[in-house]
Amino acid sequence: MTERIFIYGVPGVGKTRLSKIFGKNFNMPVVEMDRIKRKARKGKTKDRFPFLYLGTCKAYCKFGGLNKENTIKGLIAVRLALRKAVADEAKKYTAAIFEGAFLDPYSLKRLGRPILLTTANEKRHRIQFLYHVDRLLDLKSSEFKSARMIQEYLTEEAKILNIEIVDNSTSVESVPFW
């Protein structure tokens, strides 16, 4: 049986933690997709391939100021830049948990089971987001606002694609194992 589970969502919603819990409970390897992003950058410059280097919550800058349109354009540009690398990596496994902010549910539905992880509770999300900001993102910018805009977009997208949405407003330990 092939079972690839793709856990995606904006930074700070608990993707890594949930992936590790699933991996342990299902006895499956966990693949952090940021590792794939680093591999995809080899031999490529920031100038020619900016979306391999920008995070999903910062990519809007290439399209202008922080607004919903630019934020979603940035997300899509990062997804497109990494789509092939993600698919190639996924095909290496018959069963694994993949986690990343830039995973594209359109292309992943045929490879496995995408699950969108969200945190509807903005206060909790901000706390989780800021906990990781020192190693992931630039605190001086507007990445959290961008993350909230992207989460809204991802939620609507998941509903259209009939993708499972798991809200982590309480704790990932409360997520049922199905």
C-alpha atoms as a PDB file:
ATOM      1  CA  MET A   1       0.000   0.000   0.000  1.00  0.00           C
ATOM      2  CA  THR A   2       1.284   3.442  -0.910  1.00  0.00           C
ATOM      3  CA  GLU A   3       0.541   6.043   1.720  1.00  0.00           C
ATOM      4  CA  ARG A   4       2.119   9.427   1.410  1.00  0.00           C
ATOM      5  CA  ILE A   5       0.735  12.055   3.747  1.00  0.00           C
ATOM      6  CA  PHE A   6       1.477  15.704   2.977  1.00  0.00           C
ATOM      7  CA  ILE A   7       0.996  18.071   5.910  1.00  0.00           C
ATOM      8  CA  TYR A   8       1.064  21.661   4.800  1.00  0.00           C
ATOM      9  CA  GLY A   9       0.131  25.076   6.162  1.00  0.00           C
ATOM     10  CA  VAL A  10       1.678  28.388   7.038  1.00  0.00           C
ATOM     11  CA  PRO A  11       4.627  28.718   9.429  1.00  0.00           C
ATOM     12  CA  GLY A  12       3.743  28.382  13.093  1.00  0.00           C
ATOM     13  CA  VAL A  13       0.716  26.077  12.857  1.00  0.00           C
ATOM     14  CA  GLY A  14       2.525  22.985  14.151  1.00  0.00           C
ATOM     15  CA  LYS A  15       3.346  21.070  10.951  1.00  0.00           C
ATOM     16  CA  THR A  16       6.639  19.691  12.203  1.00  0.00           C
ATOM     17  CA  ARG A  17       5.227  18.613  15.540  1.00  0.00           C
ATOM     18  CA  LEU A  18       2.162  16.947  14.006  1.00  0.00           C
ATOM     19  CA  SER A  19       4.336  15.234  11.391  1.00  0.00           C
ATOM     20  CA  LYS A  20       6.581  13.782  14.092  1.00  0.00           C
ATOM     21  CA  ILE A  21       3.555  12.542  16.049  1.00  0.00           C
ATOM     22  CA  PHE A  22       2.081  10.937  12.911  1.00  0.00           C
ATOM     23  CA  GLY A  23       5.452   9.469  11.966  1.00  0.00           C
ATOM     24  CA  LYS A  24       5.849   7.877  15.372  1.00  0.00           C
ATOM     25  CA  ASN A  25       2.258   6.578  15.545  1.00  0.00           C
ATOM     26  CA  PHE A  26       2.219   5.243  11.979  1.00  0.00           C
ATOM     27  CA  ASN A  27       5.872   4.109  12.041  1.00  0.00           C
ATOM     28  CA  MET A  28       6.608   6.175   8.933  1.00  0.00           C
ATOM     29  CA  PRO A  29       9.578   8.385   8.045  1.00  0.00           C
ATOM     30  CA  VAL A  30       9.085  12.141   8.216  1.00  0.00           C
ATOM     31  CA  VAL A  31      10.497  14.276   5.409  1.00  0.00           C
ATOM     32  CA  GLU A  32      10.905  17.972   6.187  1.00  0.00           C
ATOM     33  CA  MET A  33      10.539  19.676   2.837  1.00  0.00           C
ATOM     34  CA  ASP A  34      12.817  22.581   3.759  1.00  0.00           C
ATOM     35  CA  ARG A  35      15.618  20.055   3.213  1.00  0.00           C
ATOM     36  CA  ILE A  36      14.376  19.619  -0.365  1.00  0.00           C
ATOM     37  CA  LYS A  37      14.339  23.384  -0.781  1.00  0.00           C
ATOM     38  CA  ARG A  38      18.011  23.541   0.176  1.00  0.00           C
ATOM     39  CA  LYS A  39      18.829  20.795  -2.364  1.00  0.00           C
ATOM     40  CA  ALA A  40      16.895  22.597  -5.103  1.00  0.00           C
ATOM     41  CA  ARG A  41      19.007  25.728  -4.546  1.00  0.00           C
ATOM     42  CA  LYS A  42      22.308  24.020  -5.407  1.00  0.00           C
ATOM     43  CA  GLY A  43      23.923  25.758  -8.345  1.00  0.00           C
ATOM     44  CA  LYS A  44      21.177  28.380  -8.519  1.00  0.00           C
ATOM     45  CA  THR A  45      21.502  32.032  -7.548  1.00  0.00           C
ATOM     46  CA  LYS A  46      19.058  34.174  -5.592  1.00  0.00           C
ATOM     47  CA  ASP A  47      18.950  36.661  -8.469  1.00  0.00           C
ATOM     48  CA  ARG A  48      17.870  34.125 -11.095  1.00  0.00           C
ATOM     49  CA  PHE A  49      15.773  31.859  -8.829  1.00  0.00           C
ATOM     50  CA  PRO A  50      14.442  34.092  -6.029  1.00  0.00           C
ATOM     51  CA  PHE A  51      11.511  31.835  -5.123  1.00  0.00           C
ATOM     52  CA  LEU A  52      13.843  29.001  -4.182  1.00  0.00           C
ATOM     53  CA  TYR A  53      15.242  31.306  -1.513  1.00  0.00           C
ATOM     54  CA  LEU A  54      12.177  33.190  -0.293  1.00  0.00           C
ATOM     55  CA  GLY A  55       9.797  31.731   2.250  1.00  0.00           C
ATOM     56  CA  THR A  56       6.088  31.601   1.502  1.00  0.00           C
ATOM     57  CA  CYS A  57       5.387  34.510   3.856  1.00  0.00           C
ATOM     58  CA  LYS A  58       8.087  36.751   2.398  1.00  0.00           C
ATOM     59  CA  ALA A  59       7.737  36.028  -1.327  1.00  0.00           C
ATOM     60  CA  TYR A  60       5.096  38.760  -1.715  1.00  0.00           C
ATOM     61  CA  CYS A  61       7.966  41.285  -1.702  1.00  0.00           C
ATOM     62  CA  LYS A  62       8.857  40.318  -5.288  1.00  0.00           C
ATOM     63  CA  PHE A  63       5.405  41.515  -6.392  1.00  0.00           C
ATOM     64  CA  GLY A  64       5.215  44.720  -4.335  1.00  0.00           C
ATOM     65  CA  GLY A  65       3.810  45.632  -0.946  1.00  0.00           C
ATOM     66  CA  LEU A  66       1.977  43.459   1.539  1.00  0.00           C
ATOM     67  CA  ASN A  67      -1.560  42.840   0.337  1.00  0.00           C
ATOM     68  CA  LYS A  68      -3.633  39.752  -0.338  1.00  0.00           C
ATOM     69  CA  GLU A  69      -2.972  39.676  -4.093  1.00  0.00           C
ATOM     70  CA  ASN A  70       0.818  39.943  -3.774  1.00  0.00           C
ATOM     71  CA  THR A  71       0.876  37.501  -0.880  1.00  0.00           C
ATOM     72  CA  ILE A  72      -0.947  34.815  -2.865  1.00  0.00           C
ATOM     73  CA  LYS A  73       1.196  35.484  -5.956  1.00  0.00           C
ATOM     74  CA  GLY A  74       4.258  34.932  -3.759  1.00  0.00           C
ATOM     75  CA  LEU A  75       2.915  31.659  -2.366  1.00  0.00           C
ATOM     76  CA  ILE A  76       2.109  30.364  -5.847  1.00  0.00           C
ATOM     77  CA  ALA A  77       5.538  31.399  -7.166  1.00  0.00           C
ATOM     78  CA  VAL A  78       7.281  29.476  -4.371  1.00  0.00           C
ATOM     79  CA  ARG A  79       5.069  26.443  -5.017  1.00  0.00           C
ATOM     80  CA  LEU A  80       5.840  26.515  -8.740  1.00  0.00           C
ATOM     81  CA  ALA A  81       9.572  26.873  -8.131  1.00  0.00           C
ATOM     82  CA  LEU A  82       9.575  23.759  -5.949  1.00  0.00           C
ATOM     83  CA  ARG A  83       6.836  21.609  -7.500  1.00  0.00           C
ATOM     84  CA  LYS A  84       9.144  19.255  -9.417  1.00  0.00           C
ATOM     85  CA  ALA A  85      11.582  18.855  -6.522  1.00  0.00           C
ATOM     86  CA  VAL A  86       8.694  17.996  -4.180  1.00  0.00           C
ATOM     87  CA  ALA A  87       7.201  15.447  -6.591  1.00  0.00           C
ATOM     88  CA  ASP A  88      10.590  13.858  -7.242  1.00  0.00           C
ATOM     89  CA  GLU A  89      11.230  13.501  -3.518  1.00  0.00           C
ATOM     90  CA  ALA A  90       7.763  12.116  -2.813  1.00  0.00           C
ATOM     91  CA  LYS A  91       8.195   9.430  -5.472  1.00  0.00           C
ATOM     92  CA  LYS A  92      11.231   8.080  -3.593  1.00  0.00           C
ATOM     93  CA  TYR A  93       8.925   6.819  -0.831  1.00  0.00           C
ATOM     94  CA  THR A  94       6.021   4.417  -0.855  1.00  0.00           C
ATOM     95  CA  ALA A  95       5.009   5.568   2.619  1.00  0.00           C
ATOM     96  CA  ALA A  96       6.111   8.754   4.391  1.00  0.00           C
ATOM     97  CA  ILE A  97       4.924  11.923   6.061  1.00  0.00           C
ATOM     98  CA  PHE A  98       5.990  15.096   4.241  1.00  0.00           C
ATOM     99  CA  GLU A  99       5.694  18.509   5.847  1.00  0.00           C
ATOM    100  CA  GLY A 100       6.201  21.956   4.437  1.00  0.00           C
ATOM    101  CA  ALA A 101       4.677  25.375   4.017  1.00  0.00           C
ATOM    102  CA  PHE A 102       5.035  25.448   0.230  1.00  0.00           C
ATOM    103  CA  LEU A 103       3.414  22.133  -0.632  1.00  0.00           C
ATOM    104  CA  ASP A 104       0.920  22.390  -3.493  1.00  0.00           C
ATOM    105  CA  PRO A 105      -2.241  20.350  -2.880  1.00  0.00           C
ATOM    106  CA  TYR A 106      -3.212  20.448  -6.574  1.00  0.00           C
ATOM    107  CA  SER A 107      -0.188  18.400  -7.589  1.00  0.00           C
ATOM    108  CA  LEU A 108      -0.004  16.323  -4.405  1.00  0.00           C
ATOM    109  CA  LYS A 109      -3.526  14.893  -4.505  1.00  0.00           C
ATOM    110  CA  ARG A 110      -2.429  12.371  -7.121  1.00  0.00           C
ATOM    111  CA  LEU A 111       0.670  11.398  -5.093  1.00  0.00           C
ATOM    112  CA  GLY A 112      -0.948  10.921  -1.701  1.00  0.00           C
ATOM    113  CA  ARG A 113      -3.096  12.510   0.950  1.00  0.00           C
ATOM    114  CA  PRO A 114      -2.681  16.255   1.585  1.00  0.00           C
ATOM    115  CA  ILE A 115      -3.803  17.574   4.971  1.00  0.00           C
ATOM    116  CA  LEU A 116      -3.985  21.306   5.647  1.00  0.00           C
ATOM    117  CA  LEU A 117      -3.015  22.236   9.188  1.00  0.00           C
ATOM    118  CA  THR A 118      -4.305  25.592  10.402  1.00  0.00           C
ATOM    119  CA  THR A 119      -4.505  27.554  13.608  1.00  0.00           C
ATOM    120  CA  ALA A 120      -7.735  29.546  13.591  1.00  0.00           C
ATOM    121  CA  ASN A 121      -6.951  31.046  16.991  1.00  0.00           C
ATOM    122  CA  GLU A 122      -4.849  34.042  15.966  1.00  0.00           C
ATOM    123  CA  LYS A 123      -3.385  34.601  19.443  1.00  0.00           C
ATOM    124  CA  ARG A 124      -2.158  30.998  19.671  1.00  0.00           C
ATOM    125  CA  HIS A 125      -0.851  31.144  16.115  1.00  0.00           C
ATOM    126  CA  ARG A 126       1.106  34.332  16.869  1.00  0.00           C
ATOM    127  CA  ILE A 127       2.730  32.689  19.910  1.00  0.00           C
ATOM    128  CA  GLN A 128       3.679  29.587  17.891  1.00  0.00           C
ATOM    129  CA  PHE A 129       4.836  31.729  14.961  1.00  0.00           C
ATOM    130  CA  LEU A 130       7.025  33.980  17.086  1.00  0.00           C
ATOM    131  CA  TYR A 131       8.558  30.977  18.835  1.00  0.00           C
ATOM    132  CA  HIS A 132      10.219  29.981  15.540  1.00  0.00           C
ATOM    133  CA  VAL A 133      10.730  33.431  14.048  1.00  0.00           C
ATOM    134  CA  ASP A 134      14.360  33.729  15.169  1.00  0.00           C
ATOM    135  CA  ARG A 135      15.445  30.824  12.960  1.00  0.00           C
ATOM    136  CA  LEU A 136      12.883  30.992  10.163  1.00  0.00           C
ATOM    137  CA  LEU A 137      11.735  34.496   9.443  1.00  0.00           C
ATOM    138  CA  ASP A 138      12.519  38.172   9.763  1.00  0.00           C
ATOM    139  CA  LEU A 139      10.720  39.583  12.821  1.00  0.00           C
ATOM    140  CA  LYS A 140      10.982  43.154  11.489  1.00  0.00           C
ATOM    141  CA  SER A 141       8.808  42.429   8.475  1.00  0.00           C
ATOM    142  CA  SER A 142       5.150  41.543   8.072  1.00  0.00           C
ATOM    143  CA  GLU A 143       5.416  37.776   7.741  1.00  0.00           C
ATOM    144  CA  PHE A 144       2.775  37.051  10.366  1.00  0.00           C
ATOM    145  CA  LYS A 145       0.213  39.216   8.537  1.00  0.00           C
ATOM    146  CA  SER A 146       1.225  37.463   5.339  1.00  0.00           C
ATOM    147  CA  ALA A 147       0.857  34.062   7.044  1.00  0.00           C
ATOM    148  CA  ARG A 148      -2.691  34.884   8.134  1.00  0.00           C
ATOM    149  CA  MET A 149      -3.616  35.969   4.585  1.00  0.00           C
ATOM    150  CA  ILE A 150      -2.108  32.778   3.169  1.00  0.00           C
ATOM    151  CA  GLN A 151      -3.907  30.631   5.742  1.00  0.00           C
ATOM    152  CA  GLU A 152      -7.228  32.145   4.679  1.00  0.00           C
ATOM    153  CA  TYR A 153      -6.402  31.372   1.046  1.00  0.00           C
ATOM    154  CA  LEU A 154      -5.249  27.819   1.853  1.00  0.00           C
ATOM    155  CA  THR A 155      -8.434  27.137   3.794  1.00  0.00           C
ATOM    156  CA  GLU A 156     -10.650  28.198   0.884  1.00  0.00           C
ATOM    157  CA  GLU A 157      -8.464  26.267  -1.556  1.00  0.00           C
ATOM    158  CA  ALA A 158      -8.670  23.107   0.605  1.00  0.00           C
ATOM    159  CA  LYS A 159     -12.451  23.361   0.769  1.00  0.00           C
ATOM    160  CA  ILE A 160     -12.657  23.583  -3.030  1.00  0.00           C
ATOM    161  CA  LEU A 161     -10.300  20.603  -3.430  1.00  0.00           C
ATOM    162  CA  ASN A 162     -12.058  18.620  -0.696  1.00  0.00           C
ATOM    163  CA  ILE A 163      -8.849  18.379   1.329  1.00  0.00           C
ATOM    164  CA  GLU A 164      -8.990  17.606   5.007  1.00  0.00           C
ATOM    165  CA  ILE A 165      -8.419  20.633   7.251  1.00  0.00           C
ATOM    166  CA  VAL A 166      -7.138  20.093  10.789  1.00  0.00           C
ATOM    167  CA  ASP A 167      -7.301  23.064  13.143  1.00  0.00           C
ATOM    168  CA  ASN A 168      -4.503  23.182  15.694  1.00  0.00           C
ATOM    169  CA  SER A 169      -5.966  25.931  17.869  1.00  0.00           C
ATOM    170  CA  THR A 170      -5.749  23.740  20.947  1.00  0.00           C
ATOM    171  CA  SER A 171      -2.944  21.224  20.532  1.00  0.00           C
ATOM    172  CA  VAL A 172      -1.772  18.781  17.903  1.00  0.00           C
ATOM    173  CA  GLU A 173      -1.966  16.044  20.550  1.00  0.00           C
ATOM    174  CA  SER A 174      -5.758  16.346  20.293  1.00  0.00           C
ATOM    175  CA  VAL A 175      -5.757  15.533  16.560  1.00  0.00           C
ATOM    176  CA  PRO A 176      -7.431  12.152  16.031  1.00  0.00           C
ATOM    177  CA  PHE A 177      -5.333   9.425  14.416  1.00  0.00           C
ATOM    178  CA  TRP A 178      -7.461   8.079  11.627  1.00  0.00           C
END
